Amino acid sequence: MDEPSGRTGTNGKGVQQSMTAERATISLTLERLWQFSLQYYSVREVKEACLSLQNHFGGNVNLLLLLKWLDEQQVSFGEEDWHRVEACLGRSETLLHSYRELRRKLKRNLPDTLYREALQFELLLEKQQQSDLVDCINSIRLINNRDLPLTLIYCRQLGGEHLHDVFSKPVEPTSSDSL
């Protein structure tokens, strides 16, 4: 059993962490993950790598974004929990994938305003999927990561390890990170 080290503090990104010998406790909320995702995904190189992971390797962008957030916090989960994390996508992944395919097919036939509304609805589905991921992560044991980054493990699982070069770069802090 882990003994508390008695150390608590922030990790420089405004995230409260308390640590024991191995266990890490983080404060992950949907809004925190969503804002991180919007900022990180807005980087052109990141967006292109995420879409490549999705379109060419069958990856899930929301899972990748969650894993990157966890990497930034220097926390991980055990190998035995990978299936739980991936399974929590099941409820929303089929719906999101089907909707995305429908939206792409309709793109040529929809007026711009309707297409933008379709994109906004897809963003709501993405946010719901992130909510499922947050609930899942908050229910499993997290540990201080002293091993490979989760994003590298995920890229390797999918056969897109070369994409990790993009995801391995640290996230640039924004002014809201210091709040």
N, C-alpha and C. Protein backbone atom coordinates (compact mmCIF):
# COMPACT_ATOMS: atom_id res chain seq x y z
N MET A 1 0.84 -1.18 0.00
CA MET A 1 0.00 0.00 0.00
C MET A 1 0.88 1.24 0.00
N ASP A 2 0.51 2.23 -0.77
CA ASP A 2 1.30 3.46 -0.84
C ASP A 2 1.13 4.27 0.43
N GLU A 3 2.23 4.81 0.87
CA GLU A 3 2.19 5.72 2.02
C GLU A 3 2.20 7.14 1.49
N PRO A 4 1.39 8.01 2.05
CA PRO A 4 1.38 9.40 1.59
C PRO A 4 2.73 10.05 1.82
N SER A 5 3.15 10.84 0.85
CA SER A 5 4.41 11.55 1.00
C SER A 5 4.20 12.87 1.72
N GLY A 6 2.94 13.29 1.81
CA GLY A 6 2.64 14.55 2.46
C GLY A 6 2.84 15.74 1.55
N ARG A 7 3.15 15.51 0.29
CA ARG A 7 3.39 16.61 -0.63
C ARG A 7 2.13 16.91 -1.43
N THR A 8 1.80 18.18 -1.50
CA THR A 8 0.74 18.63 -2.40
C THR A 8 1.21 19.94 -2.99
N GLY A 9 0.61 20.30 -4.08
CA GLY A 9 0.96 21.56 -4.72
C GLY A 9 0.37 21.59 -6.11
N THR A 10 0.78 22.61 -6.85
CA THR A 10 0.34 22.68 -8.24
C THR A 10 1.50 22.33 -9.13
N ASN A 11 1.19 21.92 -10.34
CA ASN A 11 2.21 21.47 -11.26
C ASN A 11 2.66 22.58 -12.21
N GLY A 12 2.37 23.81 -11.91
CA GLY A 12 2.75 24.91 -12.77
C GLY A 12 1.69 25.21 -13.84
N LYS A 13 0.68 24.41 -13.94
CA LYS A 13 -0.39 24.63 -14.92
C LYS A 13 -1.72 24.85 -14.21
N GLY A 14 -1.67 25.15 -12.91
CA GLY A 14 -2.88 25.42 -12.16
C GLY A 14 -3.65 24.18 -11.77
N VAL A 15 -3.04 23.01 -11.90
CA VAL A 15 -3.71 21.75 -11.58
C VAL A 15 -3.20 21.27 -10.23
N GLN A 16 -4.13 21.13 -9.29
CA GLN A 16 -3.79 20.62 -7.97
C GLN A 16 -3.42 19.15 -8.06
N GLN A 17 -2.29 18.80 -7.49
CA GLN A 17 -1.88 17.40 -7.46
C GLN A 17 -1.46 17.05 -6.04
N SER A 18 -1.87 15.88 -5.60
CA SER A 18 -1.32 15.35 -4.37
C SER A 18 -0.69 14.02 -4.74
N MET A 19 0.48 13.76 -4.17
CA MET A 19 1.22 12.58 -4.60
C MET A 19 1.55 11.68 -3.43
N THR A 20 1.50 10.41 -3.70
CA THR A 20 2.03 9.42 -2.78
C THR A 20 3.21 8.81 -3.50
N ALA A 21 3.73 7.73 -2.98
CA ALA A 21 4.91 7.12 -3.60
C ALA A 21 4.67 6.85 -5.08
N GLU A 22 3.53 6.38 -5.46
CA GLU A 22 3.24 6.08 -6.86
C GLU A 22 1.95 6.72 -7.35
N ARG A 23 1.00 6.87 -6.48
CA ARG A 23 -0.33 7.33 -6.87
C ARG A 23 -0.34 8.84 -7.10
N ALA A 24 -1.07 9.26 -8.13
CA ALA A 24 -1.23 10.68 -8.42
C ALA A 24 -2.72 11.00 -8.41
N THR A 25 -3.07 12.12 -7.84
CA THR A 25 -4.46 12.57 -7.84
C THR A 25 -4.50 13.89 -8.59
N ILE A 26 -5.29 13.93 -9.63
CA ILE A 26 -5.41 15.16 -10.41
C ILE A 26 -6.86 15.61 -10.41
N SER A 27 -7.03 16.85 -10.72
CA SER A 27 -8.37 17.42 -10.79
C SER A 27 -8.73 17.62 -12.26
N LEU A 28 -9.35 16.62 -12.85
CA LEU A 28 -9.74 16.71 -14.25
C LEU A 28 -11.23 16.95 -14.35
N THR A 29 -11.59 18.03 -15.02
CA THR A 29 -12.99 18.34 -15.28
C THR A 29 -13.19 18.39 -16.80
N LEU A 30 -14.43 18.27 -17.21
CA LEU A 30 -14.73 18.37 -18.63
C LEU A 30 -14.28 19.72 -19.17
N GLU A 31 -14.57 20.77 -18.47
CA GLU A 31 -14.21 22.11 -18.97
C GLU A 31 -12.70 22.27 -19.09
N ARG A 32 -11.95 21.74 -18.15
CA ARG A 32 -10.48 21.82 -18.20
C ARG A 32 -9.96 21.06 -19.44
N LEU A 33 -10.46 19.85 -19.67
CA LEU A 33 -10.03 19.08 -20.83
C LEU A 33 -10.48 19.76 -22.12
N TRP A 34 -11.69 20.27 -22.15
CA TRP A 34 -12.22 20.90 -23.35
C TRP A 34 -11.39 22.13 -23.73
N GLN A 35 -11.10 22.98 -22.77
CA GLN A 35 -10.31 24.18 -23.05
C GLN A 35 -8.89 23.82 -23.49
N PHE A 36 -8.30 22.83 -22.83
CA PHE A 36 -6.98 22.35 -23.24
C PHE A 36 -7.04 21.87 -24.69
N SER A 37 -8.06 21.09 -25.01
CA SER A 37 -8.20 20.52 -26.35
C SER A 37 -8.34 21.60 -27.41
N LEU A 38 -9.17 22.60 -27.14
CA LEU A 38 -9.35 23.69 -28.10
C LEU A 38 -8.04 24.41 -28.36
N GLN A 39 -7.29 24.68 -27.29
CA GLN A 39 -6.02 25.37 -27.44
C GLN A 39 -5.00 24.51 -28.19
N TYR A 40 -4.86 23.27 -27.78
CA TYR A 40 -3.85 22.39 -28.36
C TYR A 40 -4.19 22.07 -29.82
N TYR A 41 -5.43 21.78 -30.11
CA TYR A 41 -5.87 21.42 -31.46
C TYR A 41 -5.79 22.60 -32.41
N SER A 42 -5.75 23.81 -31.89
CA SER A 42 -5.69 25.00 -32.75
C SER A 42 -4.32 25.16 -33.41
N VAL A 43 -3.33 24.41 -32.97
CA VAL A 43 -2.01 24.45 -33.58
C VAL A 43 -2.07 23.61 -34.87
N ARG A 44 -1.78 24.24 -35.99
CA ARG A 44 -1.94 23.59 -37.30
C ARG A 44 -1.28 22.22 -37.37
N GLU A 45 -0.05 22.12 -36.93
CA GLU A 45 0.69 20.86 -36.98
C GLU A 45 0.02 19.77 -36.13
N VAL A 46 -0.51 20.16 -34.99
CA VAL A 46 -1.20 19.22 -34.11
C VAL A 46 -2.50 18.74 -34.76
N LYS A 47 -3.26 19.69 -35.31
CA LYS A 47 -4.52 19.34 -35.98
C LYS A 47 -4.26 18.35 -37.11
N GLU A 48 -3.25 18.62 -37.93
CA GLU A 48 -2.94 17.73 -39.06
C GLU A 48 -2.54 16.34 -38.57
N ALA A 49 -1.74 16.28 -37.50
CA ALA A 49 -1.31 14.98 -36.96
C ALA A 49 -2.50 14.23 -36.35
N CYS A 50 -3.39 14.95 -35.67
CA CYS A 50 -4.59 14.33 -35.09
C CYS A 50 -5.48 13.74 -36.18
N LEU A 51 -5.69 14.51 -37.24
CA LEU A 51 -6.54 14.04 -38.33
C LEU A 51 -5.89 12.86 -39.06
N SER A 52 -4.57 12.88 -39.18
CA SER A 52 -3.88 11.75 -39.79
C SER A 52 -4.05 10.50 -38.92
N LEU A 53 -3.90 10.66 -37.62
CA LEU A 53 -4.08 9.54 -36.70
C LEU A 53 -5.50 8.97 -36.82
N GLN A 54 -6.48 9.87 -36.95
CA GLN A 54 -7.88 9.45 -37.08
C GLN A 54 -8.16 8.80 -38.44
N ASN A 55 -7.76 9.47 -39.51
CA ASN A 55 -8.15 9.05 -40.84
C ASN A 55 -7.32 7.92 -41.43
N HIS A 56 -6.06 7.80 -41.01
CA HIS A 56 -5.18 6.79 -41.59
C HIS A 56 -4.87 5.63 -40.65
N PHE A 57 -5.08 5.83 -39.35
CA PHE A 57 -4.71 4.79 -38.39
C PHE A 57 -5.87 4.38 -37.48
N GLY A 58 -7.05 4.97 -37.70
CA GLY A 58 -8.22 4.60 -36.91
C GLY A 58 -8.19 5.09 -35.47
N GLY A 59 -7.41 6.13 -35.23
CA GLY A 59 -7.30 6.66 -33.87
C GLY A 59 -8.47 7.55 -33.49
N ASN A 60 -8.58 7.82 -32.22
CA ASN A 60 -9.63 8.68 -31.69
C ASN A 60 -8.98 9.97 -31.20
N VAL A 61 -9.35 11.08 -31.79
CA VAL A 61 -8.73 12.36 -31.48
C VAL A 61 -8.99 12.76 -30.03
N ASN A 62 -10.21 12.55 -29.53
CA ASN A 62 -10.49 12.91 -28.14
C ASN A 62 -9.66 12.10 -27.16
N LEU A 63 -9.45 10.84 -27.45
CA LEU A 63 -8.59 10.03 -26.60
C LEU A 63 -7.16 10.54 -26.65
N LEU A 64 -6.68 10.87 -27.84
CA LEU A 64 -5.33 11.42 -27.97
C LEU A 64 -5.19 12.71 -27.17
N LEU A 65 -6.19 13.58 -27.24
CA LEU A 65 -6.14 14.85 -26.50
C LEU A 65 -6.13 14.61 -25.00
N LEU A 66 -6.92 13.66 -24.55
CA LEU A 66 -6.91 13.30 -23.12
C LEU A 66 -5.53 12.78 -22.72
N LEU A 67 -4.97 11.89 -23.53
CA LEU A 67 -3.65 11.33 -23.22
C LEU A 67 -2.58 12.41 -23.19
N LYS A 68 -2.67 13.37 -24.10
CA LYS A 68 -1.72 14.49 -24.11
C LYS A 68 -1.88 15.31 -22.83
N TRP A 69 -3.11 15.55 -22.41
CA TRP A 69 -3.33 16.30 -21.16
C TRP A 69 -2.70 15.56 -19.99
N LEU A 70 -2.91 14.24 -19.94
CA LEU A 70 -2.31 13.44 -18.87
C LEU A 70 -0.78 13.48 -18.94
N ASP A 71 -0.23 13.41 -20.16
CA ASP A 71 1.23 13.52 -20.32
C ASP A 71 1.73 14.85 -19.77
N GLU A 72 1.00 15.91 -20.04
CA GLU A 72 1.40 17.24 -19.55
C GLU A 72 1.38 17.30 -18.02
N GLN A 73 0.49 16.52 -17.41
CA GLN A 73 0.41 16.47 -15.94
C GLN A 73 1.41 15.47 -15.36
N GLN A 74 2.08 14.73 -16.24
CA GLN A 74 3.05 13.70 -15.87
C GLN A 74 2.40 12.59 -15.05
N VAL A 75 1.19 12.23 -15.46
CA VAL A 75 0.50 11.10 -14.82
C VAL A 75 0.12 10.09 -15.89
N SER A 76 -0.15 8.88 -15.43
CA SER A 76 -0.47 7.77 -16.31
C SER A 76 -1.45 6.86 -15.61
N PHE A 77 -1.81 5.78 -16.29
CA PHE A 77 -2.62 4.73 -15.68
C PHE A 77 -1.98 3.41 -16.06
N GLY A 78 -2.36 2.38 -15.34
CA GLY A 78 -1.77 1.07 -15.56
C GLY A 78 -2.18 0.45 -16.88
N GLU A 79 -1.33 -0.44 -17.36
CA GLU A 79 -1.61 -1.15 -18.61
C GLU A 79 -2.95 -1.86 -18.57
N GLU A 80 -3.32 -2.33 -17.39
CA GLU A 80 -4.59 -3.05 -17.24
C GLU A 80 -5.81 -2.15 -17.42
N ASP A 81 -5.61 -0.82 -17.38
CA ASP A 81 -6.73 0.11 -17.52
C ASP A 81 -6.93 0.62 -18.95
N TRP A 82 -6.02 0.28 -19.87
CA TRP A 82 -6.18 0.73 -21.26
C TRP A 82 -7.53 0.29 -21.83
N HIS A 83 -7.88 -0.96 -21.58
CA HIS A 83 -9.16 -1.46 -22.13
C HIS A 83 -10.34 -0.70 -21.56
N ARG A 84 -10.29 -0.29 -20.30
CA ARG A 84 -11.38 0.47 -19.69
C ARG A 84 -11.51 1.84 -20.34
N VAL A 85 -10.36 2.47 -20.57
CA VAL A 85 -10.38 3.81 -21.17
C VAL A 85 -10.92 3.73 -22.60
N GLU A 86 -10.43 2.77 -23.36
CA GLU A 86 -10.91 2.63 -24.74
C GLU A 86 -12.38 2.20 -24.79
N ALA A 87 -12.80 1.38 -23.83
CA ALA A 87 -14.19 0.92 -23.79
C ALA A 87 -15.16 2.06 -23.51
N CYS A 88 -14.73 3.07 -22.78
CA CYS A 88 -15.64 4.17 -22.46
C CYS A 88 -15.98 4.99 -23.71
N LEU A 89 -15.23 4.79 -24.78
CA LEU A 89 -15.54 5.47 -26.04
C LEU A 89 -16.68 4.79 -26.79
N GLY A 90 -16.95 3.55 -26.46
CA GLY A 90 -17.91 2.75 -27.21
C GLY A 90 -19.26 3.40 -27.38
N ARG A 91 -19.76 4.00 -26.32
CA ARG A 91 -21.10 4.59 -26.35
C ARG A 91 -21.21 5.71 -27.37
N SER A 92 -20.17 6.53 -27.48
CA SER A 92 -20.26 7.70 -28.33
C SER A 92 -19.54 7.55 -29.67
N GLU A 93 -18.59 6.63 -29.77
CA GLU A 93 -17.78 6.55 -30.98
C GLU A 93 -18.59 6.18 -32.22
N THR A 94 -19.48 5.21 -32.11
CA THR A 94 -20.29 4.81 -33.26
C THR A 94 -21.17 5.96 -33.73
N LEU A 95 -21.81 6.64 -32.80
CA LEU A 95 -22.66 7.77 -33.14
C LEU A 95 -21.84 8.88 -33.79
N LEU A 96 -20.72 9.22 -33.21
CA LEU A 96 -19.88 10.29 -33.73
C LEU A 96 -19.35 9.95 -35.12
N HIS A 97 -18.88 8.72 -35.29
CA HIS A 97 -18.36 8.29 -36.58
C HIS A 97 -19.45 8.35 -37.65
N SER A 98 -20.63 7.85 -37.33
CA SER A 98 -21.74 7.86 -38.30
C SER A 98 -22.15 9.28 -38.66
N TYR A 99 -22.21 10.14 -37.66
CA TYR A 99 -22.59 11.53 -37.92
C TYR A 99 -21.54 12.22 -38.78
N ARG A 100 -20.27 11.99 -38.47
CA ARG A 100 -19.19 12.61 -39.24
C ARG A 100 -19.25 12.18 -40.71
N GLU A 101 -19.50 10.90 -40.94
CA GLU A 101 -19.62 10.40 -42.32
C GLU A 101 -20.80 11.05 -43.04
N LEU A 102 -21.93 11.17 -42.36
CA LEU A 102 -23.11 11.79 -42.95
C LEU A 102 -22.82 13.26 -43.28
N ARG A 103 -22.20 13.97 -42.36
CA ARG A 103 -21.89 15.37 -42.59
C ARG A 103 -20.97 15.53 -43.80
N ARG A 104 -19.98 14.68 -43.93
CA ARG A 104 -19.06 14.75 -45.08
C ARG A 104 -19.80 14.50 -46.40
N LYS A 105 -20.72 13.55 -46.39
CA LYS A 105 -21.48 13.24 -47.61
C LYS A 105 -22.39 14.41 -48.00
N LEU A 106 -22.94 15.09 -47.01
CA LEU A 106 -23.87 16.18 -47.27
C LEU A 106 -23.19 17.51 -47.56
N LYS A 107 -21.90 17.59 -47.34
CA LYS A 107 -21.18 18.86 -47.44
C LYS A 107 -21.45 19.58 -48.75
N ARG A 108 -21.42 18.88 -49.86
CA ARG A 108 -21.60 19.50 -51.18
C ARG A 108 -23.03 19.99 -51.40
N ASN A 109 -23.98 19.39 -50.69
CA ASN A 109 -25.39 19.70 -50.94
C ASN A 109 -26.01 20.65 -49.92
N LEU A 110 -25.26 21.01 -48.90
CA LEU A 110 -25.81 21.87 -47.86
C LEU A 110 -25.36 23.32 -48.04
N PRO A 111 -26.26 24.26 -47.79
CA PRO A 111 -25.81 25.66 -47.74
C PRO A 111 -24.80 25.83 -46.60
N ASP A 112 -23.93 26.81 -46.73
CA ASP A 112 -22.88 27.04 -45.73
C ASP A 112 -23.42 27.15 -44.31
N THR A 113 -24.54 27.83 -44.15
CA THR A 113 -25.08 28.01 -42.79
C THR A 113 -25.48 26.68 -42.18
N LEU A 114 -26.12 25.82 -42.96
CA LEU A 114 -26.50 24.50 -42.44
C LEU A 114 -25.28 23.63 -42.18
N TYR A 115 -24.29 23.74 -43.03
CA TYR A 115 -23.08 22.96 -42.83
C TYR A 115 -22.38 23.40 -41.54
N ARG A 116 -22.32 24.69 -41.29
CA ARG A 116 -21.72 25.19 -40.04
C ARG A 116 -22.50 24.70 -38.82
N GLU A 117 -23.82 24.65 -38.94
CA GLU A 117 -24.64 24.11 -37.85
C GLU A 117 -24.33 22.63 -37.63
N ALA A 118 -24.13 21.90 -38.70
CA ALA A 118 -23.77 20.49 -38.60
C ALA A 118 -22.42 20.32 -37.90
N LEU A 119 -21.48 21.19 -38.22
CA LEU A 119 -20.18 21.15 -37.54
C LEU A 119 -20.32 21.46 -36.05
N GLN A 120 -21.18 22.42 -35.73
CA GLN A 120 -21.39 22.76 -34.31
C GLN A 120 -22.00 21.59 -33.55
N PHE A 121 -22.93 20.89 -34.19
CA PHE A 121 -23.53 19.73 -33.54
C PHE A 121 -22.48 18.63 -33.35
N GLU A 122 -21.62 18.45 -34.33
CA GLU A 122 -20.54 17.47 -34.20
C GLU A 122 -19.63 17.83 -33.02
N LEU A 123 -19.38 19.12 -32.83
CA LEU A 123 -18.58 19.54 -31.67
C LEU A 123 -19.26 19.17 -30.36
N LEU A 124 -20.58 19.26 -30.30
CA LEU A 124 -21.31 18.84 -29.10
C LEU A 124 -21.13 17.35 -28.85
N LEU A 125 -21.16 16.55 -29.92
CA LEU A 125 -20.91 15.11 -29.78
C LEU A 125 -19.49 14.85 -29.29
N GLU A 126 -18.54 15.64 -29.81
CA GLU A 126 -17.14 15.50 -29.37
C GLU A 126 -17.03 15.82 -27.88
N LYS A 127 -17.72 16.87 -27.46
CA LYS A 127 -17.66 17.25 -26.05
C LYS A 127 -18.28 16.18 -25.16
N GLN A 128 -19.36 15.55 -25.62
CA GLN A 128 -19.96 14.45 -24.87
C GLN A 128 -18.98 13.30 -24.74
N GLN A 129 -18.25 13.01 -25.82
CA GLN A 129 -17.26 11.95 -25.76
C GLN A 129 -16.16 12.29 -24.75
N GLN A 130 -15.75 13.55 -24.74
CA GLN A 130 -14.76 13.95 -23.73
C GLN A 130 -15.32 13.81 -22.32
N SER A 131 -16.59 14.08 -22.15
CA SER A 131 -17.21 13.90 -20.84
C SER A 131 -17.13 12.44 -20.40
N ASP A 132 -17.39 11.53 -21.33
CA ASP A 132 -17.28 10.10 -21.03
C ASP A 132 -15.84 9.75 -20.64
N LEU A 133 -14.87 10.32 -21.34
CA LEU A 133 -13.46 10.05 -21.03
C LEU A 133 -13.07 10.61 -19.65
N VAL A 134 -13.56 11.80 -19.34
CA VAL A 134 -13.26 12.40 -18.03
C VAL A 134 -13.83 11.52 -16.91
N ASP A 135 -15.08 11.08 -17.08
CA ASP A 135 -15.69 10.20 -16.07
C ASP A 135 -14.86 8.93 -15.89
N CYS A 136 -14.40 8.38 -16.98
CA CYS A 136 -13.60 7.15 -16.93
C CYS A 136 -12.26 7.39 -16.21
N ILE A 137 -11.55 8.43 -16.62
CA ILE A 137 -10.24 8.71 -16.02
C ILE A 137 -10.38 8.99 -14.53
N ASN A 138 -11.45 9.69 -14.15
CA ASN A 138 -11.65 10.00 -12.74
C ASN A 138 -12.04 8.77 -11.92
N SER A 139 -12.34 7.66 -12.59
CA SER A 139 -12.72 6.45 -11.86
C SER A 139 -11.59 5.41 -11.76
N ILE A 140 -10.45 5.68 -12.38
CA ILE A 140 -9.35 4.72 -12.33
C ILE A 140 -8.18 5.28 -11.54
N ARG A 141 -7.32 4.38 -11.13
CA ARG A 141 -6.13 4.76 -10.36
C ARG A 141 -5.09 5.36 -11.29
N LEU A 142 -4.67 6.58 -10.98
CA LEU A 142 -3.63 7.25 -11.76
C LEU A 142 -2.33 7.22 -10.98
N ILE A 143 -1.23 7.14 -11.70
CA ILE A 143 0.09 7.08 -11.09
C ILE A 143 0.98 8.14 -11.70
N ASN A 144 2.01 8.51 -10.97
CA ASN A 144 3.01 9.42 -11.52
C ASN A 144 3.72 8.70 -12.66
N ASN A 145 3.82 9.36 -13.80
CA ASN A 145 4.38 8.70 -14.98
C ASN A 145 5.90 8.83 -14.98
N ARG A 146 6.55 7.70 -14.86
CA ARG A 146 8.00 7.65 -14.95
C ARG A 146 8.41 6.78 -16.14
N ASP A 147 7.49 6.58 -17.05
CA ASP A 147 7.71 5.68 -18.18
C ASP A 147 7.42 6.43 -19.48
N LEU A 148 7.05 5.71 -20.50
CA LEU A 148 6.76 6.30 -21.81
C LEU A 148 5.52 7.19 -21.74
N PRO A 149 5.50 8.26 -22.53
CA PRO A 149 4.29 9.09 -22.60
C PRO A 149 3.12 8.28 -23.15
N LEU A 150 1.94 8.55 -22.63
CA LEU A 150 0.74 7.85 -23.08
C LEU A 150 0.47 8.07 -24.57
N THR A 151 0.78 9.28 -25.05
CA THR A 151 0.56 9.55 -26.48
C THR A 151 1.46 8.67 -27.35
N LEU A 152 2.68 8.41 -26.90
CA LEU A 152 3.57 7.52 -27.65
C LEU A 152 3.03 6.09 -27.66
N ILE A 153 2.58 5.63 -26.51
CA ILE A 153 2.02 4.28 -26.42
C ILE A 153 0.83 4.15 -27.37
N TYR A 154 -0.05 5.16 -27.38
CA TYR A 154 -1.24 5.11 -28.23
C TYR A 154 -0.86 5.13 -29.71
N CYS A 155 0.06 6.02 -30.08
CA CYS A 155 0.50 6.07 -31.49
C CYS A 155 1.10 4.74 -31.91
N ARG A 156 1.87 4.12 -31.04
CA ARG A 156 2.47 2.81 -31.35
C ARG A 156 1.39 1.75 -31.52
N GLN A 157 0.40 1.75 -30.64
CA GLN A 157 -0.69 0.78 -30.74
C GLN A 157 -1.37 0.85 -32.10
N LEU A 158 -1.47 2.06 -32.64
CA LEU A 158 -2.18 2.27 -33.90
C LEU A 158 -1.27 2.12 -35.12
N GLY A 159 0.03 2.03 -34.91
CA GLY A 159 0.96 1.95 -36.03
C GLY A 159 1.35 3.31 -36.59
N GLY A 160 1.10 4.37 -35.83
CA GLY A 160 1.42 5.73 -36.27
C GLY A 160 2.47 6.39 -35.39
N GLU A 161 3.47 5.62 -35.00
CA GLU A 161 4.48 6.13 -34.05
C GLU A 161 5.16 7.41 -34.55
N HIS A 162 5.34 7.52 -35.86
CA HIS A 162 6.01 8.71 -36.40
C HIS A 162 5.25 10.01 -36.08
N LEU A 163 3.95 9.91 -35.85
CA LEU A 163 3.15 11.10 -35.51
C LEU A 163 3.46 11.62 -34.12
N HIS A 164 4.05 10.76 -33.29
CA HIS A 164 4.34 11.19 -31.93
C HIS A 164 5.33 12.35 -31.88
N ASP A 165 6.13 12.52 -32.91
CA ASP A 165 7.06 13.66 -32.92
C ASP A 165 6.32 14.97 -32.70
N VAL A 166 5.13 15.07 -33.28
CA VAL A 166 4.31 16.28 -33.10
C VAL A 166 3.77 16.34 -31.67
N PHE A 167 3.27 15.22 -31.17
CA PHE A 167 2.62 15.20 -29.86
C PHE A 167 3.61 15.26 -28.70
N SER A 168 4.89 15.04 -28.98
CA SER A 168 5.88 15.04 -27.91
C SER A 168 6.32 16.45 -27.52
N LYS A 169 6.00 17.44 -28.34
CA LYS A 169 6.37 18.81 -28.03
C LYS A 169 5.52 19.33 -26.88
N PRO A 170 6.13 20.07 -25.96
CA PRO A 170 5.33 20.59 -24.83
C PRO A 170 4.29 21.60 -25.31
N VAL A 171 3.21 21.67 -24.58
CA VAL A 171 2.15 22.62 -24.87
C VAL A 171 2.61 24.00 -24.44
N GLU A 172 2.40 24.96 -25.32
CA GLU A 172 2.74 26.34 -24.98
C GLU A 172 1.74 26.87 -23.96
N PRO A 173 2.23 27.43 -22.86
CA PRO A 173 1.29 27.95 -21.85
C PRO A 173 0.55 29.17 -22.38
N THR A 174 -0.68 29.32 -21.90
CA THR A 174 -1.46 30.52 -22.21
C THR A 174 -1.63 31.32 -20.95
N SER A 175 -2.11 32.52 -21.09
CA SER A 175 -2.28 33.38 -19.91
C SER A 175 -3.29 32.78 -18.93
N SER A 176 -4.25 31.96 -19.41
CA SER A 176 -5.24 31.38 -18.51
C SER A 176 -4.67 30.24 -17.68
N ASP A 177 -3.50 29.68 -18.07
CA ASP A 177 -2.89 28.61 -17.30
C ASP A 177 -2.42 29.08 -15.93
N SER A 178 -2.16 30.36 -15.79
CA SER A 178 -1.65 30.85 -14.51
C SER A 178 -2.78 31.22 -13.56
N LEU A 179 -4.00 31.15 -14.02
CA LEU A 179 -5.14 31.49 -13.15
C LEU A 179 -5.41 30.43 -12.13
